[in-house]
Amino acid sequence: MKRRLQLTEQVARFVDHYMPATDREVFERVTERLLDDPEGEGTYLAYLNDPVTRMVREGHVMIEYVATSWFVVVVETDVYDASRGFNEPL
């Protein structure tokens, strides 16, 4: 069964208004993949003391999310690319 995607208001604003188009394409591709398999390859727990919040990175895009039986809720996303002025690389 495919889950539905939900974004927090902060994530939705960032994706719609501030995320560059190429990174938005990566974001959409990754979230589509997460809907099929939220614990798939390339994902990992975001914090040692939190067994629910997961993280995935692809290219310069970072996505933190919580997966339930019905939804994947994206709680945080960011772009890490110092050459384009987006944060410092991790």
N, C-alpha and C. Protein backbone atom coordinates (compact mmCIF):
# COMPACT_ATOMS: atom_id res chain seq x y z
N MET A 1 0.84 -1.18 0.00
CA MET A 1 0.00 0.00 0.00
C MET A 1 0.89 1.25 0.00
N LYS A 2 0.56 2.17 -0.84
CA LYS A 2 1.34 3.41 -0.94
C LYS A 2 0.82 4.42 0.08
N ARG A 3 1.74 5.04 0.78
CA ARG A 3 1.39 6.04 1.78
C ARG A 3 1.12 7.38 1.11
N ARG A 4 0.54 8.29 1.87
CA ARG A 4 0.33 9.67 1.40
C ARG A 4 1.42 10.56 2.00
N LEU A 5 1.78 11.60 1.28
CA LEU A 5 2.80 12.54 1.72
C LEU A 5 2.16 13.74 2.38
N GLN A 6 2.69 14.10 3.54
CA GLN A 6 2.28 15.34 4.21
C GLN A 6 3.53 16.13 4.55
N LEU A 7 3.43 17.46 4.39
CA LEU A 7 4.54 18.36 4.71
C LEU A 7 4.11 19.29 5.82
N THR A 8 5.04 19.63 6.71
CA THR A 8 4.74 20.68 7.67
C THR A 8 4.66 22.00 6.91
N GLU A 9 4.05 23.00 7.50
CA GLU A 9 3.93 24.30 6.83
C GLU A 9 5.30 24.87 6.50
N GLN A 10 6.24 24.74 7.41
CA GLN A 10 7.60 25.25 7.20
C GLN A 10 8.25 24.57 6.00
N VAL A 11 8.11 23.27 5.88
CA VAL A 11 8.69 22.53 4.76
C VAL A 11 8.03 22.94 3.46
N ALA A 12 6.70 23.03 3.46
CA ALA A 12 5.98 23.41 2.25
C ALA A 12 6.40 24.78 1.74
N ARG A 13 6.56 25.74 2.65
CA ARG A 13 6.99 27.09 2.24
C ARG A 13 8.40 27.06 1.68
N PHE A 14 9.29 26.32 2.34
CA PHE A 14 10.67 26.26 1.86
C PHE A 14 10.73 25.64 0.46
N VAL A 15 10.03 24.53 0.28
CA VAL A 15 10.05 23.85 -1.02
C VAL A 15 9.43 24.73 -2.11
N ASP A 16 8.31 25.36 -1.81
CA ASP A 16 7.61 26.16 -2.81
C ASP A 16 8.28 27.48 -3.15
N HIS A 17 8.91 28.12 -2.16
CA HIS A 17 9.38 29.49 -2.37
C HIS A 17 10.90 29.66 -2.39
N TYR A 18 11.64 28.78 -1.75
CA TYR A 18 13.07 29.02 -1.60
C TYR A 18 13.96 27.94 -2.22
N MET A 19 13.48 26.73 -2.35
CA MET A 19 14.31 25.65 -2.86
C MET A 19 14.50 25.82 -4.37
N PRO A 20 15.75 25.77 -4.84
CA PRO A 20 16.00 25.87 -6.28
C PRO A 20 15.32 24.73 -7.04
N ALA A 21 15.00 24.98 -8.29
CA ALA A 21 14.23 24.02 -9.10
C ALA A 21 14.91 22.66 -9.21
N THR A 22 16.22 22.64 -9.40
CA THR A 22 16.91 21.35 -9.52
C THR A 22 16.82 20.56 -8.22
N ASP A 23 16.94 21.25 -7.09
CA ASP A 23 16.83 20.58 -5.80
C ASP A 23 15.38 20.17 -5.53
N ARG A 24 14.43 20.94 -6.01
CA ARG A 24 13.01 20.58 -5.86
C ARG A 24 12.72 19.27 -6.60
N GLU A 25 13.33 19.09 -7.76
CA GLU A 25 13.16 17.83 -8.50
C GLU A 25 13.71 16.65 -7.71
N VAL A 26 14.87 16.85 -7.08
CA VAL A 26 15.45 15.80 -6.24
C VAL A 26 14.52 15.52 -5.06
N PHE A 27 14.01 16.57 -4.42
CA PHE A 27 13.09 16.42 -3.30
C PHE A 27 11.87 15.60 -3.71
N GLU A 28 11.28 15.92 -4.84
CA GLU A 28 10.08 15.20 -5.30
C GLU A 28 10.40 13.74 -5.63
N ARG A 29 11.54 13.49 -6.23
CA ARG A 29 11.93 12.12 -6.56
C ARG A 29 12.15 11.29 -5.30
N VAL A 30 12.84 11.88 -4.31
CA VAL A 30 13.12 11.16 -3.07
C VAL A 30 11.84 10.91 -2.28
N THR A 31 10.97 11.91 -2.17
CA THR A 31 9.73 11.71 -1.42
C THR A 31 8.85 10.66 -2.10
N GLU A 32 8.85 10.60 -3.42
CA GLU A 32 8.09 9.57 -4.12
C GLU A 32 8.63 8.18 -3.76
N ARG A 33 9.95 8.07 -3.69
CA ARG A 33 10.57 6.80 -3.31
C ARG A 33 10.23 6.43 -1.86
N LEU A 34 10.19 7.45 -0.98
CA LEU A 34 9.87 7.19 0.43
C LEU A 34 8.45 6.70 0.61
N LEU A 35 7.54 7.14 -0.24
CA LEU A 35 6.16 6.68 -0.14
C LEU A 35 6.06 5.18 -0.37
N ASP A 36 6.90 4.64 -1.21
CA ASP A 36 6.90 3.20 -1.48
C ASP A 36 7.62 2.42 -0.37
N ASP A 37 8.74 2.94 0.10
CA ASP A 37 9.52 2.23 1.10
C ASP A 37 10.23 3.23 2.02
N PRO A 38 9.59 3.67 3.11
CA PRO A 38 10.18 4.69 3.97
C PRO A 38 11.41 4.24 4.76
N GLU A 39 11.65 2.95 4.83
CA GLU A 39 12.84 2.46 5.52
C GLU A 39 13.81 1.81 4.55
N GLY A 40 13.74 2.23 3.31
CA GLY A 40 14.55 1.64 2.25
C GLY A 40 16.01 2.04 2.30
N GLU A 41 16.71 1.63 1.26
CA GLU A 41 18.13 1.88 1.15
C GLU A 41 18.42 3.38 1.16
N GLY A 42 19.45 3.77 1.89
CA GLY A 42 19.85 5.17 1.95
C GLY A 42 19.18 5.95 3.06
N THR A 43 18.24 5.35 3.78
CA THR A 43 17.59 6.04 4.90
C THR A 43 18.20 5.53 6.20
N TYR A 44 18.13 6.35 7.23
CA TYR A 44 18.67 5.97 8.53
C TYR A 44 17.98 6.78 9.60
N LEU A 45 18.13 6.33 10.86
CA LEU A 45 17.56 7.07 11.97
C LEU A 45 18.29 8.40 12.11
N ALA A 46 17.53 9.47 12.31
CA ALA A 46 18.12 10.81 12.36
C ALA A 46 18.84 11.07 13.68
N TYR A 47 18.34 10.49 14.77
CA TYR A 47 18.89 10.76 16.10
C TYR A 47 19.05 9.45 16.86
N LEU A 48 20.05 9.38 17.71
CA LEU A 48 20.29 8.17 18.49
C LEU A 48 19.19 7.91 19.51
N ASN A 49 18.58 8.97 20.04
CA ASN A 49 17.58 8.80 21.10
C ASN A 49 16.15 8.93 20.58
N ASP A 50 15.95 8.84 19.27
CA ASP A 50 14.63 8.97 18.67
C ASP A 50 14.44 7.82 17.67
N PRO A 51 13.64 6.81 18.02
CA PRO A 51 13.50 5.65 17.15
C PRO A 51 12.50 5.85 16.00
N VAL A 52 11.97 7.05 15.83
CA VAL A 52 10.92 7.28 14.83
C VAL A 52 11.38 8.15 13.67
N THR A 53 12.07 9.25 13.95
CA THR A 53 12.46 10.20 12.91
C THR A 53 13.60 9.62 12.08
N ARG A 54 13.37 9.58 10.78
CA ARG A 54 14.37 9.06 9.86
C ARG A 54 14.89 10.18 8.98
N MET A 55 16.02 9.93 8.32
CA MET A 55 16.64 10.93 7.47
C MET A 55 17.14 10.27 6.19
N VAL A 56 17.12 11.04 5.13
CA VAL A 56 17.69 10.60 3.86
C VAL A 56 18.36 11.82 3.21
N ARG A 57 19.45 11.58 2.53
CA ARG A 57 20.16 12.63 1.80
C ARG A 57 20.38 12.15 0.37
N GLU A 58 20.17 13.06 -0.53
CA GLU A 58 20.50 12.77 -1.94
C GLU A 58 20.97 14.07 -2.56
N GLY A 59 22.15 14.02 -3.14
CA GLY A 59 22.73 15.26 -3.67
C GLY A 59 22.93 16.24 -2.53
N HIS A 60 22.39 17.43 -2.67
CA HIS A 60 22.51 18.45 -1.65
C HIS A 60 21.27 18.54 -0.77
N VAL A 61 20.30 17.70 -1.00
CA VAL A 61 19.01 17.78 -0.31
C VAL A 61 18.97 16.81 0.87
N MET A 62 18.56 17.33 2.04
CA MET A 62 18.39 16.53 3.24
C MET A 62 16.91 16.55 3.61
N ILE A 63 16.36 15.39 3.95
CA ILE A 63 14.95 15.28 4.34
C ILE A 63 14.86 14.49 5.63
N GLU A 64 14.20 15.07 6.65
CA GLU A 64 13.87 14.35 7.88
C GLU A 64 12.38 14.08 7.84
N TYR A 65 11.99 12.87 8.22
CA TYR A 65 10.58 12.49 8.10
C TYR A 65 10.21 11.46 9.15
N VAL A 66 8.91 11.32 9.35
CA VAL A 66 8.33 10.29 10.21
C VAL A 66 7.37 9.50 9.33
N ALA A 67 7.48 8.19 9.36
CA ALA A 67 6.60 7.34 8.57
C ALA A 67 5.63 6.60 9.48
N THR A 68 4.36 6.62 9.10
CA THR A 68 3.34 5.85 9.79
C THR A 68 2.78 4.83 8.80
N SER A 69 1.76 4.12 9.22
CA SER A 69 1.13 3.14 8.32
C SER A 69 0.51 3.81 7.10
N TRP A 70 0.04 5.04 7.27
CA TRP A 70 -0.70 5.72 6.21
C TRP A 70 0.02 6.90 5.59
N PHE A 71 0.97 7.51 6.31
CA PHE A 71 1.58 8.77 5.85
C PHE A 71 3.09 8.74 5.98
N VAL A 72 3.74 9.56 5.16
CA VAL A 72 5.12 9.98 5.38
C VAL A 72 5.03 11.48 5.61
N VAL A 73 5.40 11.90 6.81
CA VAL A 73 5.30 13.32 7.19
C VAL A 73 6.71 13.90 7.18
N VAL A 74 6.96 14.83 6.26
CA VAL A 74 8.27 15.49 6.18
C VAL A 74 8.27 16.62 7.19
N VAL A 75 9.15 16.53 8.18
CA VAL A 75 9.20 17.52 9.25
C VAL A 75 10.31 18.54 9.07
N GLU A 76 11.29 18.23 8.22
CA GLU A 76 12.39 19.17 7.98
C GLU A 76 13.04 18.83 6.66
N THR A 77 13.42 19.86 5.92
CA THR A 77 14.21 19.67 4.71
C THR A 77 15.14 20.86 4.57
N ASP A 78 16.27 20.62 3.96
CA ASP A 78 17.22 21.70 3.78
C ASP A 78 18.12 21.37 2.60
N VAL A 79 18.84 22.37 2.13
CA VAL A 79 19.79 22.23 1.04
C VAL A 79 21.16 22.57 1.59
N TYR A 80 22.12 21.69 1.40
CA TYR A 80 23.49 21.93 1.84
C TYR A 80 24.39 22.05 0.62
N ASP A 81 24.69 23.28 0.23
CA ASP A 81 25.58 23.54 -0.90
C ASP A 81 26.19 24.93 -0.71
N ALA A 82 27.33 24.97 -0.05
CA ALA A 82 27.97 26.24 0.27
C ALA A 82 28.34 27.02 -0.98
N SER A 83 28.63 26.35 -2.08
CA SER A 83 29.01 27.05 -3.29
C SER A 83 27.86 27.89 -3.86
N ARG A 84 26.63 27.52 -3.53
CA ARG A 84 25.46 28.30 -3.97
C ARG A 84 24.88 29.12 -2.83
N GLY A 85 25.54 29.13 -1.68
CA GLY A 85 25.08 29.96 -0.57
C GLY A 85 24.08 29.29 0.35
N PHE A 86 23.94 27.98 0.27
CA PHE A 86 23.02 27.25 1.13
C PHE A 86 23.79 26.52 2.21
N ASN A 87 23.83 27.07 3.41
CA ASN A 87 24.43 26.41 4.57
C ASN A 87 25.84 25.91 4.30
N GLU A 88 26.43 25.35 5.28
CA GLU A 88 27.74 24.75 5.15
C GLU A 88 27.58 23.26 4.95
N PRO A 89 28.44 22.64 4.17
CA PRO A 89 28.34 21.19 3.99
C PRO A 89 28.60 20.47 5.31
N LEU A 90 27.93 19.34 5.50
CA LEU A 90 28.11 18.57 6.73
C LEU A 90 29.27 17.63 6.62
